[in-house]
Amino acid sequence: MNLRKERLQAVIPTCSMADIAFLLLIFFMVTTVFRAETGLKVIIPLAEAAEKIPTKNLTHVWLAKNGMISIDDALVSVDKITPIMSGKKQINPDIIVSVRCDEATNYKLVENVFDRFVNASVLKISLATNKKRG
């Protein structure tokens, strides 16, 4: 008679691991909220020809007709533009500024904002327009 006791091996069932990982992936995809930039309410002028620019290295600046300025969804005053853009230029030297300016904005404000960009050494500037249909 053999009195040796057999040791039971501890077994972790792994056949459902893929299902759990898949369910977690779906859960995070469904519950994640991607924030889209809203900016200011502006009516962008129409242009005969428009060219798409890459979204990499892009910073959005909105100029409203009432004089409000927004940089990446943050309202700023004109005198804060140079330090903000200088900081962004230090973080990303290849920064491109996309200016979305209302067609009724005072040109003096636009000129003043562009001067602040030059003071911050941010020289890659794109003026956003809508392409004319037809």
Foldseek 3Di string as FASTA:
>chain_A
DDPDDDDDDDDDDDPCVVVVVVVVVVVCVVPDDDDDQDFDDADFAEDADDDDDDPPLEWEWEAHQVGWIDTRNRTDHLVCLLVVLLVSCVVPVPHAYEYRYHPNHDVVSVVSNVVSCVSSVNDRYHYDHHYDDD
